[in-house]
Amino acid sequence: MSAGKRKFDLHLHCANCQRPSVKHVELPVGEGVPSTVDEFVDMLEYQPVPFICRHCDSTIGTLVAVTMEGEEPRAEPAVATA
């Protein structure tokens, strides 16, 4: 893991072209910044991460999973993002 950064991957499914996508999000380490996948998913409710499909430019997708560098992947409940 990079010094001073936490890396999260959002695994998404495009509602238009039905293709999977991954969006990488890096956050600085610090107070009030998510340190686990659960905290990051909670943060998404109040601070959504914009999604634009790289295949078809759609802005509608479904969050399939969130993983963090250094943690084992695990599925999260699907959350619609716009």
Protein backbone atom coordinates (compact mmCIF):
# COMPACT_ATOMS: atom_id res chain seq x y z
CA MET A 1 0.00 0.00 0.00
CA SER A 2 1.29 3.51 -0.78
CA ALA A 3 2.45 5.48 2.23
CA GLY A 4 -0.30 7.79 3.37
CA LYS A 5 -3.00 6.45 1.02
CA ARG A 6 -5.77 3.88 1.16
CA LYS A 7 -6.82 2.37 -2.14
CA PHE A 8 -10.38 1.19 -2.74
CA ASP A 9 -11.78 -0.42 -5.89
CA LEU A 10 -15.45 -0.02 -6.75
CA HIS A 11 -16.67 -2.94 -8.86
CA LEU A 12 -19.61 -1.68 -10.93
CA HIS A 13 -22.04 -3.01 -13.52
CA CYS A 14 -23.26 -0.59 -16.21
CA ALA A 15 -27.05 -0.41 -16.50
CA ASN A 16 -26.85 0.47 -20.21
CA CYS A 17 -24.26 -1.79 -21.87
CA GLN A 18 -24.26 -4.42 -19.08
CA ARG A 19 -20.46 -4.49 -18.87
CA PRO A 20 -18.47 -4.64 -15.65
CA SER A 21 -16.20 -1.74 -14.67
CA VAL A 22 -13.77 -0.97 -11.88
CA LYS A 23 -13.24 2.52 -10.50
CA HIS A 24 -10.13 3.12 -8.38
CA VAL A 25 -10.37 5.57 -5.49
CA GLU A 26 -7.38 6.69 -3.40
CA LEU A 27 -7.95 8.45 -0.10
CA PRO A 28 -5.34 9.98 2.20
CA VAL A 29 -4.83 8.35 5.58
CA GLY A 30 -6.16 10.55 8.36
CA GLU A 31 -8.82 11.20 10.94
CA GLY A 32 -12.35 10.94 9.56
CA VAL A 33 -11.19 9.09 6.44
CA PRO A 34 -12.49 5.51 5.95
CA SER A 35 -10.03 2.83 6.99
CA THR A 36 -12.16 -0.23 6.15
CA VAL A 37 -14.45 -1.29 3.31
CA ASP A 38 -17.50 -0.96 5.61
CA GLU A 39 -16.57 2.63 6.53
CA PHE A 40 -15.98 3.44 2.84
CA VAL A 41 -19.40 2.05 1.85
CA ASP A 42 -20.99 4.16 4.61
CA MET A 43 -19.16 7.23 3.27
CA LEU A 44 -20.58 6.60 -0.23
CA GLU A 45 -24.08 7.27 1.11
CA TYR A 46 -23.11 10.87 1.92
CA GLN A 47 -20.33 11.45 -0.61
CA PRO A 48 -21.14 9.50 -3.78
CA VAL A 49 -18.38 8.76 -6.29
CA PRO A 50 -19.44 9.72 -9.84
CA PHE A 51 -19.71 6.85 -12.34
CA ILE A 52 -19.29 7.11 -16.08
CA CYS A 53 -19.03 3.84 -18.01
CA ARG A 54 -15.81 3.79 -20.04
CA HIS A 55 -17.53 1.68 -22.71
CA CYS A 56 -20.74 3.63 -23.40
CA ASP A 57 -20.55 6.85 -21.29
CA SER A 58 -23.66 5.93 -19.27
CA THR A 59 -23.89 7.49 -15.82
CA ILE A 60 -26.11 4.75 -14.35
CA GLY A 61 -24.52 1.74 -12.74
CA THR A 62 -24.91 -0.75 -9.93
CA LEU A 63 -22.28 -1.14 -7.24
CA VAL A 64 -21.50 -4.86 -7.09
CA ALA A 65 -18.60 -4.92 -4.62
CA VAL A 66 -15.95 -2.80 -2.92
CA THR A 67 -12.45 -4.05 -2.23
CA MET A 68 -9.50 -2.44 -0.49
CA GLU A 69 -5.86 -3.05 -1.33
CA GLY A 70 -4.51 -5.50 1.22
CA GLU A 71 -7.90 -7.03 2.11
CA GLU A 72 -9.61 -10.13 0.76
CA PRO A 73 -12.43 -9.35 -1.73
CA ARG A 74 -15.96 -9.71 -0.41
CA ALA A 75 -19.30 -8.83 -1.93
CA GLU A 76 -21.30 -5.90 -0.61
CA PRO A 77 -25.04 -5.36 -1.10
CA ALA A 78 -25.81 -3.78 -4.45
CA VAL A 79 -26.30 -0.01 -4.33
CA ALA A 80 -27.44 2.01 -7.34
CA THR A 81 -25.25 4.98 -8.24
CA ALA A 82 -25.86 7.77 -10.64
